[in-house]
Amino acid sequence: MTENPLQVIVDQDPELFNLLENTRELAFVEGGIPLKYKFLLAMALDAANGSAGGVKFLAIQAMQAGATKEEVMQAVRITQYIFGAGAVYTASEALRDIL
C-alpha cells in the first residue's frame, strides 16, 4: 500500500496516532472471533461508510489471515442487505484489483 493515510497525524500529533494504534491493536487482538472475521467485519463497516481505501486494505488483510474470495463476497452481500447498494458500489471499487 502507499503512504499511510494518517501520515499527517503521525507527523503533527504522534500522541493521537499512538492512541489510534492502541485502539486498533485492541480491536484486532487474537482470540475470541477469528482474525479473518474481524477484518471482514471491519471491511463491511468501511463499505457501509463509503471508504473504498479501507475496504481494499481490510479485504487484503482478511485474505492474508485466511479468508477466501467467497468469504469476502459473502461479507459484501451481508453489507448490502443491511446498508444498501451504496455499500456495494464502494466495495466494487475497492475489490476490482484484488479479487
N, C-alpha and C. Protein backbone atom coordinates (compact mmCIF):
# COMPACT_ATOMS: atom_id res chain seq x y z
N MET A 1 0.84 -1.17 0.00
CA MET A 1 0.00 0.00 0.00
C MET A 1 0.89 1.24 0.00
N THR A 2 0.33 2.35 -0.40
CA THR A 2 1.09 3.59 -0.48
C THR A 2 1.26 4.18 0.90
N GLU A 3 1.57 5.45 0.94
CA GLU A 3 1.81 6.14 2.20
C GLU A 3 0.64 5.98 3.17
N ASN A 4 0.97 5.95 4.43
CA ASN A 4 -0.03 5.86 5.48
C ASN A 4 -1.03 7.01 5.33
N PRO A 5 -2.33 6.71 5.23
CA PRO A 5 -3.31 7.79 5.09
C PRO A 5 -3.37 8.70 6.31
N LEU A 6 -2.79 8.27 7.41
CA LEU A 6 -2.75 9.07 8.63
C LEU A 6 -1.40 9.73 8.84
N GLN A 7 -0.59 9.80 7.79
CA GLN A 7 0.77 10.32 7.94
C GLN A 7 0.79 11.73 8.53
N VAL A 8 -0.15 12.57 8.15
CA VAL A 8 -0.18 13.93 8.71
C VAL A 8 -0.41 13.89 10.22
N ILE A 9 -1.19 12.93 10.70
CA ILE A 9 -1.42 12.78 12.14
C ILE A 9 -0.14 12.27 12.81
N VAL A 10 0.53 11.31 12.17
CA VAL A 10 1.81 10.80 12.69
C VAL A 10 2.78 11.97 12.87
N ASP A 11 2.85 12.82 11.86
CA ASP A 11 3.81 13.92 11.87
C ASP A 11 3.42 15.03 12.85
N GLN A 12 2.13 15.36 12.91
CA GLN A 12 1.69 16.53 13.66
C GLN A 12 1.23 16.23 15.09
N ASP A 13 0.74 15.00 15.31
CA ASP A 13 0.24 14.66 16.64
C ASP A 13 0.49 13.18 16.93
N PRO A 14 1.75 12.80 17.18
CA PRO A 14 2.09 11.40 17.42
C PRO A 14 1.32 10.79 18.58
N GLU A 15 0.97 11.59 19.57
CA GLU A 15 0.22 11.06 20.70
C GLU A 15 -1.17 10.59 20.26
N LEU A 16 -1.83 11.35 19.40
CA LEU A 16 -3.13 10.94 18.86
C LEU A 16 -2.97 9.68 18.03
N PHE A 17 -1.92 9.63 17.20
CA PHE A 17 -1.69 8.45 16.39
C PHE A 17 -1.47 7.22 17.26
N ASN A 18 -0.70 7.35 18.34
CA ASN A 18 -0.48 6.23 19.25
C ASN A 18 -1.78 5.75 19.87
N LEU A 19 -2.67 6.67 20.20
CA LEU A 19 -3.99 6.30 20.72
C LEU A 19 -4.75 5.48 19.68
N LEU A 20 -4.73 5.93 18.43
CA LEU A 20 -5.40 5.20 17.36
C LEU A 20 -4.81 3.81 17.19
N GLU A 21 -3.50 3.73 17.21
CA GLU A 21 -2.82 2.43 17.05
C GLU A 21 -3.14 1.49 18.20
N ASN A 22 -3.17 2.00 19.41
CA ASN A 22 -3.52 1.17 20.57
C ASN A 22 -4.94 0.63 20.44
N THR A 23 -5.85 1.46 19.97
CA THR A 23 -7.24 1.04 19.78
C THR A 23 -7.32 -0.03 18.70
N ARG A 24 -6.58 0.17 17.59
CA ARG A 24 -6.56 -0.82 16.51
C ARG A 24 -6.02 -2.16 17.02
N GLU A 25 -4.93 -2.10 17.77
CA GLU A 25 -4.33 -3.32 18.31
C GLU A 25 -5.31 -4.05 19.23
N LEU A 26 -6.04 -3.30 20.04
CA LEU A 26 -7.03 -3.89 20.93
C LEU A 26 -8.16 -4.56 20.14
N ALA A 27 -8.61 -3.90 19.08
CA ALA A 27 -9.70 -4.43 18.27
C ALA A 27 -9.32 -5.71 17.54
N PHE A 28 -8.06 -5.80 17.11
CA PHE A 28 -7.63 -6.94 16.29
C PHE A 28 -6.76 -7.93 17.04
N VAL A 29 -6.84 -7.93 18.36
CA VAL A 29 -6.08 -8.89 19.15
C VAL A 29 -6.57 -10.31 18.85
N GLU A 30 -5.66 -11.27 18.85
CA GLU A 30 -6.03 -12.67 18.64
C GLU A 30 -6.90 -13.15 19.80
N GLY A 31 -7.85 -14.00 19.48
CA GLY A 31 -8.73 -14.56 20.49
C GLY A 31 -10.16 -14.18 20.22
N GLY A 32 -11.08 -14.96 20.74
CA GLY A 32 -12.49 -14.69 20.51
C GLY A 32 -12.84 -14.96 19.06
N ILE A 33 -13.25 -13.93 18.36
CA ILE A 33 -13.58 -14.04 16.94
C ILE A 33 -12.27 -14.23 16.16
N PRO A 34 -12.23 -15.21 15.25
CA PRO A 34 -11.02 -15.38 14.44
C PRO A 34 -10.67 -14.10 13.69
N LEU A 35 -9.38 -13.86 13.54
CA LEU A 35 -8.88 -12.61 12.96
C LEU A 35 -9.46 -12.33 11.58
N LYS A 36 -9.58 -13.35 10.72
CA LYS A 36 -10.11 -13.10 9.38
C LYS A 36 -11.52 -12.53 9.44
N TYR A 37 -12.31 -12.96 10.41
CA TYR A 37 -13.68 -12.43 10.54
C TYR A 37 -13.69 -11.01 11.09
N LYS A 38 -12.73 -10.71 11.94
CA LYS A 38 -12.62 -9.33 12.43
C LYS A 38 -12.33 -8.38 11.27
N PHE A 39 -11.42 -8.81 10.38
CA PHE A 39 -11.11 -7.98 9.21
C PHE A 39 -12.30 -7.87 8.28
N LEU A 40 -13.05 -8.97 8.10
CA LEU A 40 -14.23 -8.91 7.24
C LEU A 40 -15.30 -7.99 7.82
N LEU A 41 -15.46 -8.03 9.12
CA LEU A 41 -16.41 -7.14 9.79
C LEU A 41 -16.01 -5.68 9.59
N ALA A 42 -14.75 -5.39 9.81
CA ALA A 42 -14.26 -4.02 9.62
C ALA A 42 -14.40 -3.61 8.16
N MET A 43 -14.13 -4.53 7.24
CA MET A 43 -14.28 -4.24 5.81
C MET A 43 -15.73 -3.87 5.48
N ALA A 44 -16.67 -4.62 6.03
CA ALA A 44 -18.08 -4.33 5.79
C ALA A 44 -18.46 -2.95 6.32
N LEU A 45 -17.96 -2.61 7.48
CA LEU A 45 -18.26 -1.29 8.05
C LEU A 45 -17.65 -0.18 7.20
N ASP A 46 -16.45 -0.39 6.68
CA ASP A 46 -15.87 0.62 5.79
C ASP A 46 -16.67 0.75 4.50
N ALA A 47 -17.16 -0.36 3.96
CA ALA A 47 -18.01 -0.30 2.76
C ALA A 47 -19.27 0.51 3.05
N ALA A 48 -19.85 0.27 4.20
CA ALA A 48 -21.07 0.99 4.59
C ALA A 48 -20.81 2.48 4.77
N ASN A 49 -19.59 2.82 5.14
CA ASN A 49 -19.23 4.23 5.35
C ASN A 49 -18.60 4.88 4.13
N GLY A 50 -18.53 4.16 3.02
CA GLY A 50 -18.03 4.73 1.78
C GLY A 50 -16.52 4.84 1.66
N SER A 51 -15.79 4.06 2.44
CA SER A 51 -14.32 4.13 2.42
C SER A 51 -13.73 3.00 1.56
N ALA A 52 -13.59 3.26 0.26
CA ALA A 52 -13.05 2.25 -0.64
C ALA A 52 -11.63 1.86 -0.26
N GLY A 53 -10.81 2.82 0.14
CA GLY A 53 -9.45 2.51 0.55
C GLY A 53 -9.42 1.57 1.74
N GLY A 54 -10.29 1.81 2.70
CA GLY A 54 -10.37 0.94 3.86
C GLY A 54 -10.84 -0.45 3.49
N VAL A 55 -11.84 -0.54 2.59
CA VAL A 55 -12.34 -1.84 2.14
C VAL A 55 -11.21 -2.64 1.51
N LYS A 56 -10.45 -2.01 0.63
CA LYS A 56 -9.36 -2.71 -0.06
C LYS A 56 -8.32 -3.20 0.94
N PHE A 57 -7.87 -2.32 1.80
CA PHE A 57 -6.84 -2.67 2.77
C PHE A 57 -7.30 -3.80 3.69
N LEU A 58 -8.54 -3.72 4.17
CA LEU A 58 -9.06 -4.73 5.09
C LEU A 58 -9.35 -6.05 4.39
N ALA A 59 -9.79 -6.01 3.14
CA ALA A 59 -10.00 -7.25 2.39
C ALA A 59 -8.68 -7.98 2.19
N ILE A 60 -7.64 -7.24 1.88
CA ILE A 60 -6.31 -7.84 1.74
C ILE A 60 -5.88 -8.46 3.06
N GLN A 61 -6.06 -7.73 4.15
CA GLN A 61 -5.69 -8.28 5.46
C GLN A 61 -6.50 -9.52 5.79
N ALA A 62 -7.80 -9.50 5.47
CA ALA A 62 -8.65 -10.67 5.73
C ALA A 62 -8.16 -11.88 4.96
N MET A 63 -7.79 -11.68 3.69
CA MET A 63 -7.31 -12.80 2.89
C MET A 63 -5.95 -13.29 3.38
N GLN A 64 -5.11 -12.36 3.83
CA GLN A 64 -3.82 -12.78 4.41
C GLN A 64 -4.04 -13.57 5.70
N ALA A 65 -5.16 -13.31 6.37
CA ALA A 65 -5.48 -14.03 7.61
C ALA A 65 -6.27 -15.31 7.33
N GLY A 66 -6.48 -15.63 6.04
CA GLY A 66 -7.11 -16.90 5.68
C GLY A 66 -8.49 -16.81 5.06
N ALA A 67 -9.05 -15.63 4.91
CA ALA A 67 -10.38 -15.50 4.29
C ALA A 67 -10.27 -15.81 2.80
N THR A 68 -11.31 -16.43 2.27
CA THR A 68 -11.36 -16.72 0.84
C THR A 68 -12.07 -15.56 0.12
N LYS A 69 -11.93 -15.55 -1.21
CA LYS A 69 -12.65 -14.56 -2.00
C LYS A 69 -14.15 -14.71 -1.81
N GLU A 70 -14.60 -15.93 -1.65
CA GLU A 70 -16.02 -16.18 -1.42
C GLU A 70 -16.48 -15.57 -0.09
N GLU A 71 -15.65 -15.66 0.93
CA GLU A 71 -15.99 -15.06 2.22
C GLU A 71 -16.03 -13.54 2.13
N VAL A 72 -15.11 -12.97 1.36
CA VAL A 72 -15.13 -11.52 1.16
C VAL A 72 -16.44 -11.12 0.50
N MET A 73 -16.83 -11.85 -0.54
CA MET A 73 -18.07 -11.51 -1.25
C MET A 73 -19.30 -11.77 -0.39
N GLN A 74 -19.25 -12.76 0.46
CA GLN A 74 -20.37 -13.01 1.37
C GLN A 74 -20.53 -11.84 2.34
N ALA A 75 -19.42 -11.29 2.80
CA ALA A 75 -19.47 -10.11 3.66
C ALA A 75 -20.08 -8.92 2.91
N VAL A 76 -19.76 -8.80 1.62
CA VAL A 76 -20.36 -7.73 0.81
C VAL A 76 -21.87 -7.93 0.70
N ARG A 77 -22.31 -9.17 0.52
CA ARG A 77 -23.76 -9.45 0.44
C ARG A 77 -24.47 -9.04 1.73
N ILE A 78 -23.87 -9.38 2.85
CA ILE A 78 -24.48 -9.02 4.14
C ILE A 78 -24.51 -7.51 4.31
N THR A 79 -23.43 -6.86 3.89
CA THR A 79 -23.37 -5.40 3.97
C THR A 79 -24.47 -4.78 3.12
N GLN A 80 -24.68 -5.32 1.93
CA GLN A 80 -25.75 -4.81 1.07
C GLN A 80 -27.11 -4.99 1.72
N TYR A 81 -27.33 -6.12 2.35
CA TYR A 81 -28.62 -6.38 3.00
C TYR A 81 -28.91 -5.33 4.07
N ILE A 82 -27.93 -4.97 4.85
CA ILE A 82 -28.13 -4.03 5.95
C ILE A 82 -28.04 -2.57 5.49
N PHE A 83 -27.07 -2.26 4.62
CA PHE A 83 -26.78 -0.86 4.29
C PHE A 83 -27.16 -0.43 2.89
N GLY A 84 -27.46 -1.36 1.99
CA GLY A 84 -27.92 -0.99 0.67
C GLY A 84 -26.86 -1.00 -0.41
N ALA A 85 -27.32 -0.57 -1.59
CA ALA A 85 -26.50 -0.66 -2.80
C ALA A 85 -25.27 0.24 -2.76
N GLY A 86 -25.33 1.36 -2.06
CA GLY A 86 -24.16 2.25 -2.00
C GLY A 86 -22.93 1.54 -1.46
N ALA A 87 -23.13 0.68 -0.49
CA ALA A 87 -22.01 -0.08 0.07
C ALA A 87 -21.43 -1.04 -0.95
N VAL A 88 -22.28 -1.56 -1.84
CA VAL A 88 -21.80 -2.47 -2.89
C VAL A 88 -20.94 -1.71 -3.90
N TYR A 89 -21.35 -0.51 -4.25
CA TYR A 89 -20.56 0.30 -5.17
C TYR A 89 -19.18 0.61 -4.57
N THR A 90 -19.16 0.94 -3.28
CA THR A 90 -17.88 1.19 -2.61
C THR A 90 -17.02 -0.07 -2.62
N ALA A 91 -17.62 -1.21 -2.27
CA ALA A 91 -16.87 -2.47 -2.25
C ALA A 91 -16.38 -2.84 -3.64
N SER A 92 -17.19 -2.62 -4.65
CA SER A 92 -16.79 -2.95 -6.02
C SER A 92 -15.58 -2.15 -6.46
N GLU A 93 -15.60 -0.86 -6.15
CA GLU A 93 -14.46 -0.01 -6.48
C GLU A 93 -13.19 -0.52 -5.79
N ALA A 94 -13.33 -0.92 -4.53
CA ALA A 94 -12.18 -1.35 -3.74
C ALA A 94 -11.66 -2.72 -4.15
N LEU A 95 -12.54 -3.61 -4.54
CA LEU A 95 -12.17 -5.01 -4.73
C LEU A 95 -11.79 -5.34 -6.17
N ARG A 96 -11.98 -4.43 -7.10
CA ARG A 96 -11.77 -4.76 -8.51
C ARG A 96 -10.35 -5.24 -8.81
N ASP A 97 -9.36 -4.75 -8.10
CA ASP A 97 -7.98 -5.13 -8.39
C ASP A 97 -7.46 -6.29 -7.55
N ILE A 98 -8.28 -6.74 -6.58
CA ILE A 98 -7.74 -7.78 -5.69
C ILE A 98 -8.52 -9.10 -5.73
N LEU A 99 -9.70 -9.10 -6.33
CA LEU A 99 -10.45 -10.36 -6.41
C LEU A 99 -10.41 -10.91 -7.83
